[in-house]
PDB file of all heavy atoms in Angstrom:
ATOM      1  N   LEU A   1      14.161  18.615   6.022  1.00  0.00           N
ATOM      2  CA  LEU A   1      13.708  17.232   6.143  1.00  0.00           C
ATOM      3  C   LEU A   1      14.216  16.455   4.921  1.00  0.00           C
ATOM      4  O   LEU A   1      13.436  15.949   4.107  1.00  0.00           O
ATOM      5  CB  LEU A   1      12.174  17.197   6.222  1.00  0.00           C
ATOM      6  CG  LEU A   1      11.528  16.082   7.063  1.00  0.00           C
ATOM      7  CD1 LEU A   1      11.961  16.192   8.512  1.00  0.00           C
ATOM      8  CD2 LEU A   1      10.013  16.151   6.953  1.00  0.00           C
ATOM      9  N   PRO A   2      15.570  16.358   4.785  1.00  0.00           N
ATOM     10  CA  PRO A   2      16.131  15.720   3.583  1.00  0.00           C
ATOM     11  C   PRO A   2      15.830  14.238   3.485  1.00  0.00           C
ATOM     12  O   PRO A   2      15.821  13.665   2.399  1.00  0.00           O
ATOM     13  CB  PRO A   2      17.631  15.973   3.734  1.00  0.00           C
ATOM     14  CG  PRO A   2      17.847  16.112   5.212  1.00  0.00           C
ATOM     15  CD  PRO A   2      16.606  16.771   5.736  1.00  0.00           C
ATOM     16  N   SER A   3      15.623  13.595   4.624  1.00  0.00           N
ATOM     17  CA  SER A   3      15.257  12.182   4.633  1.00  0.00           C
ATOM     18  C   SER A   3      14.055  12.010   5.550  1.00  0.00           C
ATOM     19  O   SER A   3      13.641  12.944   6.244  1.00  0.00           O
ATOM     20  CB  SER A   3      16.438  11.324   5.115  1.00  0.00           C
ATOM     21  OG  SER A   3      16.869  11.744   6.397  1.00  0.00           O
ATOM     22  N   ALA A   4      13.495  10.827   5.559  1.00  0.00           N
ATOM     23  CA  ALA A   4      12.253  10.605   6.303  1.00  0.00           C
ATOM     24  C   ALA A   4      12.466  10.699   7.810  1.00  0.00           C
ATOM     25  O   ALA A   4      13.553  10.443   8.328  1.00  0.00           O
ATOM     26  CB  ALA A   4      11.680   9.238   5.948  1.00  0.00           C
ATOM     27  N   ALA A   5      11.424  11.083   8.504  1.00  0.00           N
ATOM     28  CA  ALA A   5      11.371  10.978   9.963  1.00  0.00           C
ATOM     29  C   ALA A   5      10.631   9.687  10.296  1.00  0.00           C
ATOM     30  O   ALA A   5       9.606   9.373   9.686  1.00  0.00           O
ATOM     31  CB  ALA A   5      10.656  12.186  10.559  1.00  0.00           C
ATOM     32  N   LEU A   6      11.156   8.937  11.257  1.00  0.00           N
ATOM     33  CA  LEU A   6      10.544   7.683  11.672  1.00  0.00           C
ATOM     34  C   LEU A   6       9.847   7.882  13.008  1.00  0.00           C
ATOM     35  O   LEU A   6      10.456   8.359  13.971  1.00  0.00           O
ATOM     36  CB  LEU A   6      11.601   6.578  11.807  1.00  0.00           C
ATOM     37  CG  LEU A   6      11.106   5.226  12.323  1.00  0.00           C
ATOM     38  CD1 LEU A   6      10.129   4.592  11.331  1.00  0.00           C
ATOM     39  CD2 LEU A   6      12.280   4.282  12.592  1.00  0.00           C
ATOM     40  N   ILE A   7       8.561   7.549  13.048  1.00  0.00           N
ATOM     41  CA  ILE A   7       7.780   7.654  14.278  1.00  0.00           C
ATOM     42  C   ILE A   7       7.394   6.244  14.708  1.00  0.00           C
ATOM     43  O   ILE A   7       6.707   5.525  13.974  1.00  0.00           O
ATOM     44  CB  ILE A   7       6.526   8.523  14.072  1.00  0.00           C
ATOM     45  CG1 ILE A   7       6.946   9.951  13.701  1.00  0.00           C
ATOM     46  CG2 ILE A   7       5.665   8.533  15.332  1.00  0.00           C
ATOM     47  CD1 ILE A   7       5.789  10.877  13.373  1.00  0.00           C
ATOM     48  N   VAL A   8       7.862   5.844  15.894  1.00  0.00           N
ATOM     49  CA  VAL A   8       7.588   4.515  16.433  1.00  0.00           C
ATOM     50  C   VAL A   8       6.550   4.666  17.544  1.00  0.00           C
ATOM     51  O   VAL A   8       6.712   5.496  18.441  1.00  0.00           O
ATOM     52  CB  VAL A   8       8.865   3.864  16.990  1.00  0.00           C
ATOM     53  CG1 VAL A   8       8.593   2.421  17.396  1.00  0.00           C
ATOM     54  CG2 VAL A   8       9.993   3.923  15.964  1.00  0.00           C
ATOM     55  N   ALA A   9       5.488   3.875  17.472  1.00  0.00           N
ATOM     56  CA  ALA A   9       4.391   4.005  18.426  1.00  0.00           C
ATOM     57  C   ALA A   9       3.759   2.638  18.653  1.00  0.00           C
ATOM     58  O   ALA A   9       3.996   1.690  17.896  1.00  0.00           O
ATOM     59  CB  ALA A   9       3.339   4.988  17.894  1.00  0.00           C
ATOM     60  N   PRO A  10       2.940   2.502  19.716  1.00  0.00           N
ATOM     61  CA  PRO A  10       2.190   1.254  19.896  1.00  0.00           C
ATOM     62  C   PRO A  10       1.287   0.972  18.699  1.00  0.00           C
ATOM     63  O   PRO A  10       0.861   1.905  17.994  1.00  0.00           O
ATOM     64  CB  PRO A  10       1.365   1.521  21.157  1.00  0.00           C
ATOM     65  CG  PRO A  10       2.123   2.574  21.895  1.00  0.00           C
ATOM     66  CD  PRO A  10       2.740   3.435  20.833  1.00  0.00           C
ATOM     67  N   THR A  11       0.987  -0.284  18.477  1.00  0.00           N
ATOM     68  CA  THR A  11       0.182  -0.687  17.319  1.00  0.00           C
ATOM     69  C   THR A  11      -1.151   0.047  17.269  1.00  0.00           C
ATOM     70  O   THR A  11      -1.611   0.456  16.197  1.00  0.00           O
ATOM     71  CB  THR A  11      -0.068  -2.203  17.360  1.00  0.00           C
ATOM     72  OG1 THR A  11       1.188  -2.886  17.449  1.00  0.00           O
ATOM     73  CG2 THR A  11      -0.803  -2.679  16.122  1.00  0.00           C
ATOM     74  N   SER A  12      -1.767   0.255  18.429  1.00  0.00           N
ATOM     75  CA  SER A  12      -3.092   0.881  18.466  1.00  0.00           C
ATOM     76  C   SER A  12      -3.082   2.321  17.986  1.00  0.00           C
ATOM     77  O   SER A  12      -4.144   2.882  17.695  1.00  0.00           O
ATOM     78  CB  SER A  12      -3.653   0.822  19.896  1.00  0.00           C
ATOM     79  OG  SER A  12      -2.796   1.508  20.788  1.00  0.00           O
ATOM     80  N   LEU A  13      -1.902   2.935  17.855  1.00  0.00           N
ATOM     81  CA  LEU A  13      -1.832   4.350  17.482  1.00  0.00           C
ATOM     82  C   LEU A  13      -1.472   4.584  16.022  1.00  0.00           C
ATOM     83  O   LEU A  13      -1.385   5.736  15.587  1.00  0.00           O
ATOM     84  CB  LEU A  13      -0.815   5.079  18.373  1.00  0.00           C
ATOM     85  CG  LEU A  13      -1.069   5.029  19.872  1.00  0.00           C
ATOM     86  CD1 LEU A  13      -0.103   5.952  20.602  1.00  0.00           C
ATOM     87  CD2 LEU A  13      -2.500   5.413  20.200  1.00  0.00           C
ATOM     88  N   MET A  14      -1.253   3.525  15.255  1.00  0.00           N
ATOM     89  CA  MET A  14      -0.863   3.711  13.864  1.00  0.00           C
ATOM     90  C   MET A  14      -1.914   4.516  13.091  1.00  0.00           C
ATOM     91  O   MET A  14      -1.606   5.488  12.411  1.00  0.00           O
ATOM     92  CB  MET A  14      -0.652   2.347  13.184  1.00  0.00           C
ATOM     93  CG  MET A  14       0.601   1.604  13.615  1.00  0.00           C
ATOM     94  SD  MET A  14       2.141   2.433  13.137  1.00  0.00           S
ATOM     95  CE  MET A  14       2.518   3.305  14.650  1.00  0.00           C
ATOM     96  N   LYS A  15      -3.181   4.087  13.205  1.00  0.00           N
ATOM     97  CA  LYS A  15      -4.253   4.779  12.488  1.00  0.00           C
ATOM     98  C   LYS A  15      -4.420   6.209  12.999  1.00  0.00           C
ATOM     99  O   LYS A  15      -4.667   7.142  12.232  1.00  0.00           O
ATOM    100  CB  LYS A  15      -5.560   3.988  12.661  1.00  0.00           C
ATOM    101  CG  LYS A  15      -6.760   4.563  11.916  1.00  0.00           C
ATOM    102  CD  LYS A  15      -6.575   4.458  10.410  1.00  0.00           C
ATOM    103  CE  LYS A  15      -7.870   4.685   9.647  1.00  0.00           C
ATOM    104  NZ  LYS A  15      -8.543   5.952   9.943  1.00  0.00           N
ATOM    105  N   ASN A  16      -4.245   6.387  14.286  1.00  0.00           N
ATOM    106  CA  ASN A  16      -4.396   7.709  14.876  1.00  0.00           C
ATOM    107  C   ASN A  16      -3.352   8.685  14.325  1.00  0.00           C
ATOM    108  O   ASN A  16      -3.672   9.819  13.968  1.00  0.00           O
ATOM    109  CB  ASN A  16      -4.269   7.618  16.396  1.00  0.00           C
ATOM    110  CG  ASN A  16      -4.443   8.955  17.071  1.00  0.00           C
ATOM    111  OD1 ASN A  16      -5.545   9.477  17.142  1.00  0.00           O
ATOM    112  ND2 ASN A  16      -3.349   9.528  17.559  1.00  0.00           N
ATOM    113  N   TRP A  17      -2.091   8.239  14.246  1.00  0.00           N
ATOM    114  CA  TRP A  17      -1.039   9.102  13.710  1.00  0.00           C
ATOM    115  C   TRP A  17      -1.323   9.471  12.249  1.00  0.00           C
ATOM    116  O   TRP A  17      -1.174  10.636  11.852  1.00  0.00           O
ATOM    117  CB  TRP A  17       0.315   8.400  13.801  1.00  0.00           C
ATOM    118  CG  TRP A  17       1.084   8.725  15.046  1.00  0.00           C
ATOM    119  CD1 TRP A  17       1.236   7.958  16.145  1.00  0.00           C
ATOM    120  CD2 TRP A  17       1.818   9.935  15.306  1.00  0.00           C
ATOM    121  NE1 TRP A  17       2.019   8.607  17.081  1.00  0.00           N
ATOM    122  CE2 TRP A  17       2.387   9.818  16.589  1.00  0.00           C
ATOM    123  CE3 TRP A  17       2.045  11.097  14.572  1.00  0.00           C
ATOM    124  CZ2 TRP A  17       3.179  10.823  17.161  1.00  0.00           C
ATOM    125  CZ3 TRP A  17       2.824  12.101  15.140  1.00  0.00           C
ATOM    126  CH2 TRP A  17       3.382  11.970  16.418  1.00  0.00           C
ATOM    127  N   LEU A  18      -1.738   8.491  11.455  1.00  0.00           N
ATOM    128  CA  LEU A  18      -2.023   8.763  10.043  1.00  0.00           C
ATOM    129  C   LEU A  18      -3.189   9.727   9.901  1.00  0.00           C
ATOM    130  O   LEU A  18      -3.139  10.674   9.096  1.00  0.00           O
ATOM    131  CB  LEU A  18      -2.323   7.454   9.310  1.00  0.00           C
ATOM    132  CG  LEU A  18      -2.556   7.567   7.798  1.00  0.00           C
ATOM    133  CD1 LEU A  18      -1.320   8.133   7.107  1.00  0.00           C
ATOM    134  CD2 LEU A  18      -2.921   6.216   7.202  1.00  0.00           C
ATOM    135  N   ASP A  19      -4.241   9.526  10.691  1.00  0.00           N
ATOM    136  CA  ASP A  19      -5.397  10.427  10.626  1.00  0.00           C
ATOM    137  C   ASP A  19      -5.024  11.854  11.020  1.00  0.00           C
ATOM    138  O   ASP A  19      -5.440  12.822  10.376  1.00  0.00           O
ATOM    139  CB  ASP A  19      -6.510   9.916  11.547  1.00  0.00           C
ATOM    140  CG  ASP A  19      -7.181   8.662  11.012  1.00  0.00           C
ATOM    141  OD1 ASP A  19      -6.963   8.342   9.829  1.00  0.00           O
ATOM    142  OD2 ASP A  19      -7.914   8.002  11.780  1.00  0.00           O
ATOM    143  N   GLU A  20      -4.238  11.991  12.104  1.00  0.00           N
ATOM    144  CA  GLU A  20      -3.840  13.320  12.570  1.00  0.00           C
ATOM    145  C   GLU A  20      -2.948  14.018  11.546  1.00  0.00           C
ATOM    146  O   GLU A  20      -3.078  15.225  11.306  1.00  0.00           O
ATOM    147  CB  GLU A  20      -3.110  13.208  13.911  1.00  0.00           C
ATOM    148  CG  GLU A  20      -3.960  12.666  15.041  1.00  0.00           C
ATOM    149  CD  GLU A  20      -4.971  13.678  15.553  1.00  0.00           C
ATOM    150  OE1 GLU A  20      -4.610  14.505  16.388  1.00  0.00           O
ATOM    151  OE2 GLU A  20      -6.126  13.624  15.087  1.00  0.00           O
ATOM    152  N   ALA A  21      -2.018  13.260  10.937  1.00  0.00           N
ATOM    153  CA  ALA A  21      -1.144  13.852   9.922  1.00  0.00           C
ATOM    154  C   ALA A  21      -1.945  14.296   8.699  1.00  0.00           C
ATOM    155  O   ALA A  21      -1.716  15.385   8.150  1.00  0.00           O
ATOM    156  CB  ALA A  21      -0.061  12.856   9.516  1.00  0.00           C
ATOM    157  N   THR A  22      -2.888  13.464   8.268  1.00  0.00           N
ATOM    158  CA  THR A  22      -3.730  13.807   7.117  1.00  0.00           C
ATOM    159  C   THR A  22      -4.585  15.033   7.404  1.00  0.00           C
ATOM    160  O   THR A  22      -4.784  15.886   6.531  1.00  0.00           O
ATOM    161  CB  THR A  22      -4.631  12.610   6.763  1.00  0.00           C
ATOM    162  OG1 THR A  22      -3.813  11.467   6.512  1.00  0.00           O
ATOM    163  CG2 THR A  22      -5.467  12.916   5.526  1.00  0.00           C
ATOM    164  N   ARG A  23      -5.055  15.134   8.639  1.00  0.00           N
ATOM    165  CA  ARG A  23      -5.935  16.246   9.007  1.00  0.00           C
ATOM    166  C   ARG A  23      -5.176  17.559   9.195  1.00  0.00           C
ATOM    167  O   ARG A  23      -5.578  18.589   8.663  1.00  0.00           O
ATOM    168  CB  ARG A  23      -6.657  15.880  10.305  1.00  0.00           C
ATOM    169  CG  ARG A  23      -7.524  16.995  10.878  1.00  0.00           C
ATOM    170  CD  ARG A  23      -8.106  16.580  12.213  1.00  0.00           C
ATOM    171  NE  ARG A  23      -8.817  17.660  12.875  1.00  0.00           N
ATOM    172  CZ  ARG A  23      -9.263  17.627  14.120  1.00  0.00           C
ATOM    173  NH1 ARG A  23      -9.057  16.527  14.850  1.00  0.00           N
ATOM    174  NH2 ARG A  23      -9.888  18.651  14.647  1.00  0.00           N
ATOM    175  N   PHE A  24      -4.062  17.530   9.925  1.00  0.00           N
ATOM    176  CA  PHE A  24      -3.381  18.775  10.306  1.00  0.00           C
ATOM    177  C   PHE A  24      -2.231  19.161   9.371  1.00  0.00           C
ATOM    178  O   PHE A  24      -1.923  20.348   9.232  1.00  0.00           O
ATOM    179  CB  PHE A  24      -2.848  18.675  11.736  1.00  0.00           C
ATOM    180  CG  PHE A  24      -3.919  18.653  12.781  1.00  0.00           C
ATOM    181  CD1 PHE A  24      -4.234  17.486  13.447  1.00  0.00           C
ATOM    182  CD2 PHE A  24      -4.627  19.803  13.095  1.00  0.00           C
ATOM    183  CE1 PHE A  24      -5.232  17.453  14.413  1.00  0.00           C
ATOM    184  CE2 PHE A  24      -5.628  19.787  14.060  1.00  0.00           C
ATOM    185  CZ  PHE A  24      -5.931  18.611  14.717  1.00  0.00           C
ATOM    186  N   ALA A  25      -1.563  18.174   8.771  1.00  0.00           N
ATOM    187  CA  ALA A  25      -0.402  18.473   7.931  1.00  0.00           C
ATOM    188  C   ALA A  25      -0.480  17.680   6.639  1.00  0.00           C
ATOM    189  O   ALA A  25       0.347  16.797   6.381  1.00  0.00           O
ATOM    190  CB  ALA A  25       0.883  18.142   8.692  1.00  0.00           C
ATOM    191  N   PRO A  26      -1.479  17.978   5.790  1.00  0.00           N
ATOM    192  CA  PRO A  26      -1.674  17.188   4.571  1.00  0.00           C
ATOM    193  C   PRO A  26      -0.493  17.259   3.599  1.00  0.00           C
ATOM    194  O   PRO A  26      -0.375  16.404   2.725  1.00  0.00           O
ATOM    195  CB  PRO A  26      -2.946  17.805   3.953  1.00  0.00           C
ATOM    196  CG  PRO A  26      -3.073  19.156   4.576  1.00  0.00           C
ATOM    197  CD  PRO A  26      -2.496  19.035   5.944  1.00  0.00           C
ATOM    198  N   ALA A  27       0.376  18.256   3.753  1.00  0.00           N
ATOM    199  CA  ALA A  27       1.527  18.369   2.850  1.00  0.00           C
ATOM    200  C   ALA A  27       2.598  17.330   3.152  1.00  0.00           C
ATOM    201  O   ALA A  27       3.489  17.097   2.333  1.00  0.00           O
ATOM    202  CB  ALA A  27       2.128  19.775   2.945  1.00  0.00           C
ATOM    203  N   LEU A  28       2.535  16.718   4.321  1.00  0.00           N
ATOM    204  CA  LEU A  28       3.512  15.687   4.670  1.00  0.00           C
ATOM    205  C   LEU A  28       3.119  14.366   4.019  1.00  0.00           C
ATOM    206  O   LEU A  28       2.002  13.888   4.204  1.00  0.00           O
ATOM    207  CB  LEU A  28       3.594  15.519   6.187  1.00  0.00           C
ATOM    208  CG  LEU A  28       4.175  16.690   6.983  1.00  0.00           C
ATOM    209  CD1 LEU A  28       4.031  16.433   8.479  1.00  0.00           C
ATOM    210  CD2 LEU A  28       5.641  16.925   6.628  1.00  0.00           C
ATOM    211  N   LYS A  29       4.030  13.771   3.305  1.00  0.00           N
ATOM    212  CA  LYS A  29       3.774  12.488   2.652  1.00  0.00           C
ATOM    213  C   LYS A  29       4.088  11.370   3.644  1.00  0.00           C
ATOM    214  O   LYS A  29       5.222  11.249   4.120  1.00  0.00           O
ATOM    215  CB  LYS A  29       4.626  12.339   1.390  1.00  0.00           C
ATOM    216  CG  LYS A  29       4.224  11.144   0.527  1.00  0.00           C
ATOM    217  CD  LYS A  29       4.947  11.158  -0.805  1.00  0.00           C
ATOM    218  CE  LYS A  29       4.476   9.998  -1.692  1.00  0.00           C
ATOM    219  NZ  LYS A  29       5.161   9.999  -2.997  1.00  0.00           N
ATOM    220  N   CYS A  30       3.090  10.562   3.952  1.00  0.00           N
ATOM    221  CA  CYS A  30       3.216   9.575   5.032  1.00  0.00           C
ATOM    222  C   CYS A  30       3.015   8.158   4.516  1.00  0.00           C
ATOM    223  O   CYS A  30       2.307   7.934   3.528  1.00  0.00           O
ATOM    224  CB  CYS A  30       2.183   9.849   6.130  1.00  0.00           C
ATOM    225  SG  CYS A  30       2.206  11.537   6.767  1.00  0.00           S
ATOM    226  N   VAL A  31       3.636   7.217   5.218  1.00  0.00           N
ATOM    227  CA  VAL A  31       3.397   5.814   4.948  1.00  0.00           C
ATOM    228  C   VAL A  31       3.389   5.068   6.279  1.00  0.00           C
ATOM    229  O   VAL A  31       4.201   5.344   7.162  1.00  0.00           O
ATOM    230  CB  VAL A  31       4.469   5.224   4.000  1.00  0.00           C
ATOM    231  CG1 VAL A  31       5.854   5.309   4.613  1.00  0.00           C
ATOM    232  CG2 VAL A  31       4.144   3.780   3.633  1.00  0.00           C
ATOM    233  N   VAL A  32       2.431   4.152   6.422  1.00  0.00           N
ATOM    234  CA  VAL A  32       2.367   3.300   7.608  1.00  0.00           C
ATOM    235  C   VAL A  32       3.069   1.993   7.281  1.00  0.00           C
ATOM    236  O   VAL A  32       2.628   1.240   6.407  1.00  0.00           O
ATOM    237  CB  VAL A  32       0.908   3.040   8.038  1.00  0.00           C
ATOM    238  CG1 VAL A  32       0.871   2.066   9.225  1.00  0.00           C
ATOM    239  CG2 VAL A  32       0.227   4.347   8.408  1.00  0.00           C
ATOM    240  N   TYR A  33       4.173   1.730   7.972  1.00  0.00           N
ATOM    241  CA  TYR A  33       4.942   0.507   7.743  1.00  0.00           C
ATOM    242  C   TYR A  33       4.341  -0.593   8.607  1.00  0.00           C
ATOM    243  O   TYR A  33       4.680  -0.752   9.786  1.00  0.00           O
ATOM    244  CB  TYR A  33       6.417   0.748   8.091  1.00  0.00           C
ATOM    245  CG  TYR A  33       7.319  -0.426   7.794  1.00  0.00           C
ATOM    246  CD1 TYR A  33       7.770  -0.677   6.504  1.00  0.00           C
ATOM    247  CD2 TYR A  33       7.722  -1.284   8.808  1.00  0.00           C
ATOM    248  CE1 TYR A  33       8.591  -1.760   6.225  1.00  0.00           C
ATOM    249  CE2 TYR A  33       8.541  -2.372   8.549  1.00  0.00           C
ATOM    250  CZ  TYR A  33       8.970  -2.604   7.256  1.00  0.00           C
ATOM    251  OH  TYR A  33       9.780  -3.675   6.980  1.00  0.00           O
ATOM    252  N   HIS A  34       3.429  -1.355   7.998  1.00  0.00           N
ATOM    253  CA  HIS A  34       2.676  -2.349   8.765  1.00  0.00           C
ATOM    254  C   HIS A  34       2.080  -3.343   7.792  1.00  0.00           C
ATOM    255  O   HIS A  34       1.881  -3.039   6.623  1.00  0.00           O
ATOM    256  CB  HIS A  34       1.568  -1.659   9.582  1.00  0.00           C
ATOM    257  CG  HIS A  34       1.048  -2.486  10.702  1.00  0.00           C
ATOM    258  ND1 HIS A  34      -0.174  -3.114  10.686  1.00  0.00           N
ATOM    259  CD2 HIS A  34       1.594  -2.804  11.899  1.00  0.00           C
ATOM    260  CE1 HIS A  34      -0.359  -3.766  11.816  1.00  0.00           C
ATOM    261  NE2 HIS A  34       0.693  -3.593  12.574  1.00  0.00           N
ATOM    262  N   GLY A  35       1.814  -4.536   8.256  1.00  0.00           N
ATOM    263  CA  GLY A  35       1.164  -5.536   7.412  1.00  0.00           C
ATOM    264  C   GLY A  35       2.146  -6.407   6.653  1.00  0.00           C
ATOM    265  O   GLY A  35       3.366  -6.180   6.639  1.00  0.00           O
ATOM    266  N   ALA A  36       1.597  -7.402   5.961  1.00  0.00           N
ATOM    267  CA  ALA A  36       2.418  -8.400   5.267  1.00  0.00           C
ATOM    268  C   ALA A  36       3.226  -7.808   4.118  1.00  0.00           C
ATOM    269  O   ALA A  36       4.323  -8.269   3.809  1.00  0.00           O
ATOM    270  CB  ALA A  36       1.528  -9.534   4.755  1.00  0.00           C
ATOM    271  N   GLU A  37       2.691  -6.764   3.448  1.00  0.00           N
ATOM    272  CA  GLU A  37       3.354  -6.171   2.285  1.00  0.00           C
ATOM    273  C   GLU A  37       4.139  -4.917   2.650  1.00  0.00           C
ATOM    274  O   GLU A  37       4.401  -4.068   1.803  1.00  0.00           O
ATOM    275  CB  GLU A  37       2.302  -5.820   1.226  1.00  0.00           C
ATOM    276  CG  GLU A  37       1.497  -7.005   0.722  1.00  0.00           C
ATOM    277  CD  GLU A  37       2.361  -7.989  -0.053  1.00  0.00           C
ATOM    278  OE1 GLU A  37       3.235  -7.525  -0.821  1.00  0.00           O
ATOM    279  OE2 GLU A  37       2.179  -9.213   0.121  1.00  0.00           O
ATOM    280  N   ARG A  38       4.537  -4.780   3.906  1.00  0.00           N
ATOM    281  CA  ARG A  38       5.123  -3.518   4.372  1.00  0.00           C
ATOM    282  C   ARG A  38       6.439  -3.162   3.681  1.00  0.00           C
ATOM    283  O   ARG A  38       6.664  -2.006   3.335  1.00  0.00           O
ATOM    284  CB  ARG A  38       5.319  -3.562   5.882  1.00  0.00           C
ATOM    285  CG  ARG A  38       6.165  -4.708   6.398  1.00  0.00           C
ATOM    286  CD  ARG A  38       6.186  -4.745   7.919  1.00  0.00           C
ATOM    287  NE  ARG A  38       7.019  -5.803   8.458  1.00  0.00           N
ATOM    288  CZ  ARG A  38       6.594  -7.038   8.684  1.00  0.00           C
ATOM    289  NH1 ARG A  38       5.336  -7.361   8.427  1.00  0.00           N
ATOM    290  NH2 ARG A  38       7.421  -7.958   9.180  1.00  0.00           N
ATOM    291  N   ARG A  39       7.308  -4.139   3.450  1.00  0.00           N
ATOM    292  CA  ARG A  39       8.599  -3.834   2.813  1.00  0.00           C
ATOM    293  C   ARG A  39       8.407  -3.353   1.380  1.00  0.00           C
ATOM    294  O   ARG A  39       9.055  -2.392   0.941  1.00  0.00           O
ATOM    295  CB  ARG A  39       9.517  -5.058   2.846  1.00  0.00           C
ATOM    296  CG  ARG A  39      10.079  -5.349   4.242  1.00  0.00           C
ATOM    297  CD  ARG A  39      11.076  -6.494   4.226  1.00  0.00           C
ATOM    298  NE  ARG A  39      11.653  -6.713   5.529  1.00  0.00           N
ATOM    299  CZ  ARG A  39      12.932  -6.463   5.864  1.00  0.00           C
ATOM    300  NH1 ARG A  39      13.749  -5.967   4.948  1.00  0.00           N
ATOM    301  NH2 ARG A  39      13.380  -6.698   7.076  1.00  0.00           N
ATOM    302  N   LYS A  40       7.509  -4.008   0.674  1.00  0.00           N
ATOM    303  CA  LYS A  40       7.235  -3.604  -0.707  1.00  0.00           C
ATOM    304  C   LYS A  40       6.596  -2.210  -0.747  1.00  0.00           C
ATOM    305  O   LYS A  40       6.939  -1.387  -1.582  1.00  0.00           O
ATOM    306  CB  LYS A  40       6.305  -4.626  -1.370  1.00  0.00           C
ATOM    307  CG  LYS A  40       5.982  -4.314  -2.825  1.00  0.00           C
ATOM    308  CD  LYS A  40       5.108  -5.399  -3.425  1.00  0.00           C
ATOM    309  CE  LYS A  40       4.848  -5.158  -4.899  1.00  0.00           C
ATOM    310  NZ  LYS A  40       4.207  -3.858  -5.170  1.00  0.00           N
ATOM    311  N   GLN A  41       5.679  -1.974   0.179  1.00  0.00           N
ATOM    312  CA  GLN A  41       5.007  -0.676   0.218  1.00  0.00           C
ATOM    313  C   GLN A  41       6.008   0.453   0.447  1.00  0.00           C
ATOM    314  O   GLN A  41       5.944   1.505  -0.195  1.00  0.00           O
ATOM    315  CB  GLN A  41       3.957  -0.664   1.324  1.00  0.00           C
ATOM    316  CG  GLN A  41       3.175   0.645   1.421  1.00  0.00           C
ATOM    317  CD  GLN A  41       2.233   0.659   2.606  1.00  0.00           C
ATOM    318  OE1 GLN A  41       2.284  -0.221   3.456  1.00  0.00           O
ATOM    319  NE2 GLN A  41       1.379   1.654   2.669  1.00  0.00           N
ATOM    320  N   LEU A  42       6.971   0.234   1.336  1.00  0.00           N
ATOM    321  CA  LEU A  42       7.969   1.260   1.612  1.00  0.00           C
ATOM    322  C   LEU A  42       8.896   1.451   0.416  1.00  0.00           C
ATOM    323  O   LEU A  42       9.271   2.582   0.076  1.00  0.00           O
ATOM    324  CB  LEU A  42       8.779   0.873   2.854  1.00  0.00           C
ATOM    325  CG  LEU A  42       9.697   1.953   3.423  1.00  0.00           C
ATOM    326  CD1 LEU A  42       8.907   3.199   3.805  1.00  0.00           C
ATOM    327  CD2 LEU A  42      10.454   1.431   4.632  1.00  0.00           C
ATOM    328  N   ALA A  43       9.243   0.354  -0.249  1.00  0.00           N
ATOM    329  CA  ALA A  43      10.108   0.450  -1.424  1.00  0.00           C
ATOM    330  C   ALA A  43       9.415   1.177  -2.564  1.00  0.00           C
ATOM    331  O   ALA A  43      10.058   1.875  -3.366  1.00  0.00           O
ATOM    332  CB  ALA A  43      10.531  -0.950  -1.869  1.00  0.00           C
TER     333      ALA A  43
END
């Protein structure tokens, strides 16, 4: 996994994906690209 994997989903599932990743695969570093500050957050 040399670079990030991008997961595209409906808006209603953003929180669900983050919760599931935190619960089942806490070693994966995740970011939700959403909201007004999304570009800065990703940078």
